């Protein structure tokens, strides 16, 4: 939903907006884009694609609180706020994340769950909880 709000607010796609506001100023090598849904709208909550060197540039931009070669591309305070874990979300800190929990499925198939309760796997496996 926020992707559609952004599109309406800036009157261009998220990819075009990113290209203009971030990608060009940091000198990326290739276009970046999001996956598109069935109606050709960007799936803004995931599916962002870029080449490895451009991800490195983005990481460098983040590491410098939104500054690139002395020019502030993204407001520093926004970068700090966006990357600071609130005390109420301390479980999200590195090394503090909880183990994945199985997700029961009505169909007997569970993405990321194995037949052994509480054990996660990267493939589809039958769920014993159906």
N, C-alpha and C. Protein backbone atom coordinates (compact mmCIF):
# COMPACT_ATOMS: atom_id res chain seq x y z
N UNK A 1 0.82 -1.18 0.00
CA UNK A 1 0.00 0.00 0.00
C UNK A 1 0.87 1.26 0.00
N UNK A 2 1.93 1.26 0.80
CA UNK A 2 2.78 2.45 0.85
C UNK A 2 3.47 2.70 -0.50
N UNK A 3 3.74 1.62 -1.25
CA UNK A 3 4.31 1.79 -2.58
C UNK A 3 3.38 2.57 -3.49
N UNK A 4 2.09 2.29 -3.40
CA UNK A 4 1.10 3.03 -4.20
C UNK A 4 0.99 4.47 -3.74
N UNK A 5 1.08 4.69 -2.42
CA UNK A 5 1.04 6.05 -1.88
C UNK A 5 2.25 6.84 -2.40
N UNK A 6 3.44 6.20 -2.36
CA UNK A 6 4.65 6.85 -2.86
C UNK A 6 4.49 7.21 -4.34
N UNK A 7 4.00 6.26 -5.12
CA UNK A 7 3.80 6.49 -6.56
C UNK A 7 2.88 7.70 -6.80
N UNK A 8 1.81 7.78 -6.03
CA UNK A 8 0.89 8.91 -6.17
C UNK A 8 1.50 10.23 -5.70
N UNK A 9 2.31 10.17 -4.65
CA UNK A 9 2.90 11.40 -4.09
C UNK A 9 3.98 11.99 -5.00
N UNK A 10 4.79 11.14 -5.63
CA UNK A 10 5.90 11.64 -6.45
C UNK A 10 5.60 11.57 -7.95
N UNK A 11 4.46 11.00 -8.29
CA UNK A 11 4.00 10.88 -9.68
C UNK A 11 4.98 10.13 -10.57
N UNK A 12 5.62 9.10 -10.00
CA UNK A 12 6.50 8.24 -10.77
C UNK A 12 6.68 6.94 -10.00
N UNK A 13 7.22 5.93 -10.64
CA UNK A 13 7.42 4.64 -9.99
C UNK A 13 8.50 4.75 -8.91
N UNK A 14 8.48 3.83 -7.98
CA UNK A 14 9.50 3.80 -6.93
C UNK A 14 10.88 3.63 -7.54
N UNK A 15 10.99 2.80 -8.58
CA UNK A 15 12.28 2.60 -9.25
C UNK A 15 12.79 3.90 -9.87
N UNK A 16 11.92 4.64 -10.53
CA UNK A 16 12.32 5.92 -11.14
C UNK A 16 12.72 6.92 -10.06
N UNK A 17 11.96 6.96 -8.98
CA UNK A 17 12.25 7.88 -7.89
C UNK A 17 13.60 7.53 -7.25
N UNK A 18 13.84 6.24 -7.00
CA UNK A 18 15.12 5.81 -6.44
C UNK A 18 16.25 6.16 -7.40
N UNK A 19 16.06 5.94 -8.69
CA UNK A 19 17.07 6.25 -9.69
C UNK A 19 17.49 7.71 -9.61
N UNK A 20 16.50 8.58 -9.55
CA UNK A 20 16.74 10.02 -9.53
C UNK A 20 17.36 10.50 -8.22
N UNK A 21 16.80 10.04 -7.11
CA UNK A 21 17.19 10.59 -5.80
C UNK A 21 18.40 9.93 -5.15
N UNK A 22 18.65 8.64 -5.46
CA UNK A 22 19.74 7.91 -4.81
C UNK A 22 20.69 7.29 -5.81
N UNK A 23 20.17 6.54 -6.75
CA UNK A 23 21.01 5.73 -7.65
C UNK A 23 21.97 6.58 -8.47
N UNK A 24 21.48 7.63 -9.12
CA UNK A 24 22.37 8.50 -9.91
C UNK A 24 23.39 9.24 -9.05
N UNK A 25 22.98 9.83 -7.92
CA UNK A 25 23.96 10.54 -7.09
C UNK A 25 25.10 9.66 -6.55
N UNK A 26 24.87 8.36 -6.37
CA UNK A 26 25.95 7.51 -5.85
C UNK A 26 26.69 6.78 -6.97
N UNK A 27 26.37 7.09 -8.22
CA UNK A 27 27.12 6.57 -9.36
C UNK A 27 27.00 5.07 -9.60
N UNK A 28 25.81 4.55 -9.50
CA UNK A 28 25.61 3.11 -9.69
C UNK A 28 25.88 2.70 -11.13
N UNK A 29 26.15 1.40 -11.31
CA UNK A 29 26.47 0.85 -12.62
C UNK A 29 25.24 0.41 -13.41
N UNK A 30 24.21 -0.03 -12.72
CA UNK A 30 23.05 -0.62 -13.40
C UNK A 30 21.77 -0.09 -12.78
N UNK A 31 20.69 -0.25 -13.52
CA UNK A 31 19.37 0.14 -13.00
C UNK A 31 18.99 -0.79 -11.86
N UNK A 32 18.25 -0.26 -10.93
CA UNK A 32 17.67 -1.05 -9.85
C UNK A 32 16.16 -1.04 -10.04
N UNK A 33 15.52 -2.11 -9.61
CA UNK A 33 14.07 -2.16 -9.78
C UNK A 33 13.45 -3.14 -8.81
N UNK A 34 12.17 -3.00 -8.62
CA UNK A 34 11.40 -3.91 -7.81
C UNK A 34 10.66 -4.89 -8.73
N UNK A 35 10.29 -6.02 -8.18
CA UNK A 35 9.43 -6.95 -8.90
C UNK A 35 8.08 -6.27 -9.12
N UNK A 36 7.39 -6.67 -10.17
CA UNK A 36 6.08 -6.11 -10.47
C UNK A 36 5.00 -7.12 -10.19
N UNK A 37 3.83 -6.63 -9.76
CA UNK A 37 2.69 -7.52 -9.54
C UNK A 37 1.93 -7.70 -10.86
N UNK A 38 0.81 -8.37 -10.81
CA UNK A 38 0.03 -8.68 -12.01
C UNK A 38 -0.50 -7.43 -12.71
N UNK A 39 -0.60 -6.33 -12.00
CA UNK A 39 -1.09 -5.08 -12.59
C UNK A 39 0.05 -4.11 -12.92
N UNK A 40 1.28 -4.64 -12.92
CA UNK A 40 2.49 -3.87 -13.26
C UNK A 40 2.83 -2.78 -12.23
N UNK A 41 2.39 -2.96 -10.99
CA UNK A 41 2.80 -2.08 -9.91
C UNK A 41 3.96 -2.73 -9.17
N UNK A 42 4.89 -1.91 -8.72
CA UNK A 42 6.03 -2.44 -7.99
C UNK A 42 5.60 -3.02 -6.65
N UNK A 43 6.16 -4.16 -6.30
CA UNK A 43 5.89 -4.80 -5.02
C UNK A 43 6.90 -4.18 -4.05
N UNK A 44 6.54 -3.03 -3.48
CA UNK A 44 7.48 -2.20 -2.75
C UNK A 44 7.97 -2.79 -1.43
N UNK A 45 7.25 -3.74 -0.85
CA UNK A 45 7.67 -4.27 0.44
C UNK A 45 8.73 -5.35 0.33
N UNK A 46 9.06 -5.81 -0.87
CA UNK A 46 10.17 -6.74 -1.09
C UNK A 46 10.44 -6.82 -2.59
N UNK A 47 11.41 -7.63 -2.97
CA UNK A 47 11.66 -7.86 -4.37
C UNK A 47 12.52 -6.81 -5.03
N UNK A 48 13.34 -6.10 -4.26
CA UNK A 48 14.25 -5.10 -4.81
C UNK A 48 15.46 -5.80 -5.42
N UNK A 49 15.79 -5.46 -6.65
CA UNK A 49 16.90 -6.09 -7.37
C UNK A 49 17.93 -5.07 -7.79
N UNK A 50 19.20 -5.42 -7.56
CA UNK A 50 20.32 -4.58 -7.99
C UNK A 50 21.53 -5.48 -8.17
N UNK A 51 22.57 -4.97 -8.82
CA UNK A 51 23.80 -5.75 -8.96
C UNK A 51 24.63 -5.59 -7.70
N UNK A 52 25.53 -6.55 -7.48
CA UNK A 52 26.31 -6.60 -6.24
C UNK A 52 27.09 -5.33 -5.97
N UNK A 53 27.76 -4.78 -6.96
CA UNK A 53 28.54 -3.55 -6.73
C UNK A 53 27.65 -2.39 -6.31
N UNK A 54 26.44 -2.35 -6.84
CA UNK A 54 25.53 -1.27 -6.46
C UNK A 54 24.98 -1.48 -5.05
N UNK A 55 24.78 -2.74 -4.65
CA UNK A 55 24.42 -3.00 -3.25
C UNK A 55 25.56 -2.54 -2.34
N UNK A 56 26.81 -2.72 -2.76
CA UNK A 56 27.95 -2.25 -1.97
C UNK A 56 27.92 -0.73 -1.84
N UNK A 57 27.60 -0.05 -2.93
CA UNK A 57 27.48 1.42 -2.87
C UNK A 57 26.37 1.82 -1.90
N UNK A 58 25.25 1.13 -1.96
CA UNK A 58 24.13 1.42 -1.06
C UNK A 58 24.55 1.18 0.39
N UNK A 59 25.28 0.10 0.65
CA UNK A 59 25.80 -0.17 1.99
C UNK A 59 26.72 0.94 2.47
N UNK A 60 27.57 1.42 1.57
CA UNK A 60 28.48 2.52 1.94
C UNK A 60 27.68 3.78 2.27
N UNK A 61 26.63 4.05 1.49
CA UNK A 61 25.77 5.20 1.76
C UNK A 61 25.14 5.06 3.14
N UNK A 62 24.65 3.88 3.47
CA UNK A 62 24.05 3.65 4.78
C UNK A 62 25.09 3.78 5.89
N UNK A 63 26.29 3.26 5.66
CA UNK A 63 27.35 3.31 6.67
C UNK A 63 27.77 4.74 7.00
N UNK A 64 27.56 5.64 6.06
CA UNK A 64 27.90 7.05 6.26
C UNK A 64 26.66 7.90 6.54
N UNK A 65 25.66 7.27 7.12
CA UNK A 65 24.42 7.97 7.51
C UNK A 65 23.81 8.79 6.38
N UNK A 66 23.82 8.24 5.17
CA UNK A 66 23.16 8.88 4.04
C UNK A 66 24.01 9.86 3.26
N UNK A 67 25.30 10.00 3.61
CA UNK A 67 26.19 10.92 2.89
C UNK A 67 27.02 10.16 1.87
N UNK A 68 27.26 10.80 0.72
CA UNK A 68 28.08 10.21 -0.34
C UNK A 68 29.09 11.25 -0.80
N UNK A 69 30.36 10.97 -0.56
CA UNK A 69 31.45 11.87 -0.95
C UNK A 69 31.17 13.31 -0.54
N UNK A 70 30.79 13.48 0.72
CA UNK A 70 30.58 14.81 1.28
C UNK A 70 29.21 15.42 1.01
N UNK A 71 28.37 14.76 0.23
CA UNK A 71 27.04 15.29 -0.06
C UNK A 71 25.99 14.43 0.64
N UNK A 72 25.07 15.07 1.35
CA UNK A 72 24.01 14.36 2.07
C UNK A 72 22.91 13.98 1.08
N UNK A 73 22.80 12.68 0.76
CA UNK A 73 21.81 12.18 -0.19
C UNK A 73 20.49 11.87 0.52
N UNK A 74 20.60 11.25 1.67
CA UNK A 74 19.45 10.91 2.52
C UNK A 74 19.66 11.63 3.84
N UNK A 75 18.65 12.28 4.40
CA UNK A 75 18.84 12.99 5.67
C UNK A 75 19.44 12.08 6.75
N UNK A 76 20.50 12.56 7.39
CA UNK A 76 21.22 11.77 8.39
C UNK A 76 20.31 11.33 9.53
N UNK A 77 19.46 12.20 10.02
CA UNK A 77 18.60 11.83 11.15
C UNK A 77 17.63 10.74 10.75
N UNK A 78 17.13 10.77 9.51
CA UNK A 78 16.25 9.71 9.05
C UNK A 78 17.00 8.38 9.03
N UNK A 79 18.24 8.39 8.53
CA UNK A 79 19.05 7.17 8.50
C UNK A 79 19.25 6.62 9.92
N UNK A 80 19.55 7.48 10.85
CA UNK A 80 19.76 7.06 12.24
C UNK A 80 18.47 6.50 12.81
N UNK A 81 17.36 7.20 12.62
CA UNK A 81 16.07 6.73 13.13
C UNK A 81 15.67 5.40 12.50
N UNK A 82 15.91 5.26 11.21
CA UNK A 82 15.49 4.05 10.49
C UNK A 82 16.33 2.83 10.85
N UNK A 83 17.53 3.04 11.36
CA UNK A 83 18.41 1.91 11.67
C UNK A 83 18.65 1.70 13.16
N UNK A 84 17.98 2.47 13.99
CA UNK A 84 18.11 2.32 15.44
C UNK A 84 17.01 1.40 15.96
N UNK A 85 17.40 0.39 16.71
CA UNK A 85 16.43 -0.54 17.28
C UNK A 85 15.91 0.07 18.59
N UNK A 86 14.60 0.23 18.68
CA UNK A 86 13.98 0.76 19.89
C UNK A 86 14.10 -0.25 21.02
N UNK A 87 14.13 0.21 22.27
CA UNK A 87 14.21 -0.74 23.40
C UNK A 87 13.08 -1.77 23.37
N UNK A 88 11.89 -1.39 22.91
CA UNK A 88 10.77 -2.33 22.86
C UNK A 88 10.97 -3.42 21.80
N UNK A 89 11.90 -3.20 20.87
CA UNK A 89 12.19 -4.18 19.82
C UNK A 89 13.58 -4.80 19.99
N UNK A 90 14.09 -4.85 21.20
CA UNK A 90 15.44 -5.35 21.46
C UNK A 90 15.64 -6.78 20.96
N UNK A 91 14.58 -7.55 20.86
CA UNK A 91 14.71 -8.93 20.36
C UNK A 91 15.17 -8.97 18.90
N UNK A 92 15.12 -7.83 18.20
CA UNK A 92 15.57 -7.77 16.82
C UNK A 92 17.07 -7.51 16.67
N UNK A 93 17.74 -7.20 17.77
CA UNK A 93 19.18 -6.95 17.72
C UNK A 93 19.94 -8.19 17.28
N UNK A 94 21.09 -8.02 16.65
CA UNK A 94 21.88 -9.20 16.25
C UNK A 94 22.16 -10.11 17.44
N UNK A 95 21.97 -11.39 17.23
CA UNK A 95 22.20 -12.37 18.28
C UNK A 95 21.04 -12.53 19.25
N UNK A 96 19.99 -11.75 19.09
CA UNK A 96 18.85 -11.79 20.00
C UNK A 96 17.59 -12.37 19.36
N UNK A 97 17.63 -12.62 18.07
CA UNK A 97 16.44 -13.10 17.38
C UNK A 97 15.99 -14.45 17.92
N UNK A 98 14.69 -14.65 17.96
CA UNK A 98 14.14 -15.91 18.42
C UNK A 98 14.21 -16.93 17.30
N UNK A 99 14.27 -18.20 17.67
CA UNK A 99 14.27 -19.27 16.67
C UNK A 99 12.95 -19.25 15.92
N UNK A 100 12.96 -19.58 14.62
CA UNK A 100 11.71 -19.60 13.86
C UNK A 100 10.73 -20.61 14.44
N UNK A 101 9.47 -20.25 14.42
CA UNK A 101 8.43 -21.13 14.93
C UNK A 101 7.69 -21.76 13.76
N UNK A 102 7.29 -23.03 13.90
CA UNK A 102 6.55 -23.66 12.80
C UNK A 102 5.22 -22.96 12.57
N UNK A 103 4.81 -22.93 11.33
CA UNK A 103 3.56 -22.29 10.94
C UNK A 103 2.61 -23.38 10.46
N UNK A 104 1.62 -23.74 11.24
CA UNK A 104 0.70 -24.81 10.83
C UNK A 104 -0.07 -24.44 9.58
N UNK A 105 -0.31 -25.41 8.75
CA UNK A 105 -1.00 -25.17 7.49
C UNK A 105 -2.22 -26.07 7.39
N UNK A 106 -3.31 -25.52 6.90
CA UNK A 106 -4.54 -26.31 6.75
C UNK A 106 -4.39 -27.35 5.64
N UNK A 107 -3.45 -27.13 4.72
CA UNK A 107 -3.27 -28.07 3.61
C UNK A 107 -2.28 -29.18 3.94
N UNK A 108 -1.60 -29.10 5.06
CA UNK A 108 -0.61 -30.10 5.41
C UNK A 108 0.76 -29.77 4.84
N UNK A 109 0.90 -28.67 4.13
CA UNK A 109 2.19 -28.23 3.61
C UNK A 109 2.53 -26.91 4.29
N UNK A 110 3.74 -26.80 4.73
CA UNK A 110 4.16 -25.61 5.46
C UNK A 110 5.49 -25.14 4.91
N UNK A 111 5.55 -23.93 4.44
CA UNK A 111 6.79 -23.38 3.91
C UNK A 111 7.75 -23.08 5.06
N UNK A 112 8.92 -23.69 5.03
CA UNK A 112 9.91 -23.43 6.05
C UNK A 112 9.81 -24.32 7.26
N UNK A 113 8.85 -25.25 7.30
CA UNK A 113 8.70 -26.13 8.45
C UNK A 113 9.03 -27.57 8.04
N UNK A 114 9.54 -28.30 8.96
CA UNK A 114 9.81 -29.70 8.67
C UNK A 114 8.89 -30.56 9.52
N UNK A 115 8.84 -31.87 9.25
CA UNK A 115 7.97 -32.73 10.05
C UNK A 115 8.35 -32.77 11.53
N UNK A 116 9.58 -32.39 11.84
CA UNK A 116 10.00 -32.36 13.24
C UNK A 116 9.57 -31.02 13.81
N UNK A 117 8.75 -31.03 14.82
CA UNK A 117 8.20 -29.81 15.38
C UNK A 117 9.29 -28.84 15.81
N UNK A 118 9.18 -27.59 15.35
CA UNK A 118 10.11 -26.54 15.76
C UNK A 118 11.38 -26.47 14.94
N UNK A 119 11.56 -27.35 13.96
CA UNK A 119 12.77 -27.33 13.14
C UNK A 119 12.43 -26.67 11.82
N UNK A 120 13.19 -25.68 11.46
CA UNK A 120 12.94 -24.94 10.23
C UNK A 120 13.82 -25.45 9.11
N UNK A 121 13.30 -25.44 7.89
CA UNK A 121 14.08 -25.84 6.73
C UNK A 121 13.75 -24.92 5.56
N UNK A 122 14.66 -24.77 4.61
CA UNK A 122 14.42 -23.84 3.51
C UNK A 122 13.55 -24.37 2.38
N UNK A 123 12.99 -25.54 2.49
CA UNK A 123 12.17 -26.12 1.43
C UNK A 123 10.78 -26.44 1.95
N UNK A 124 9.90 -26.75 1.07
CA UNK A 124 8.55 -27.16 1.46
C UNK A 124 8.61 -28.58 1.99
N UNK A 125 8.01 -28.80 3.13
CA UNK A 125 8.02 -30.13 3.72
C UNK A 125 6.64 -30.41 4.29
N UNK A 126 6.21 -31.66 4.33
CA UNK A 126 4.92 -31.98 4.94
C UNK A 126 4.89 -31.55 6.39
N UNK A 127 3.80 -31.01 6.80
CA UNK A 127 3.64 -30.60 8.19
C UNK A 127 2.84 -31.64 8.93
N UNK A 128 3.29 -32.00 10.12
CA UNK A 128 2.57 -32.99 10.91
C UNK A 128 1.46 -32.35 11.73
N UNK A 129 1.24 -31.05 11.56
CA UNK A 129 0.25 -30.36 12.36
C UNK A 129 -1.09 -30.21 11.66
N UNK A 130 -1.20 -30.72 10.43
CA UNK A 130 -2.45 -30.56 9.68
C UNK A 130 -3.49 -31.57 10.13
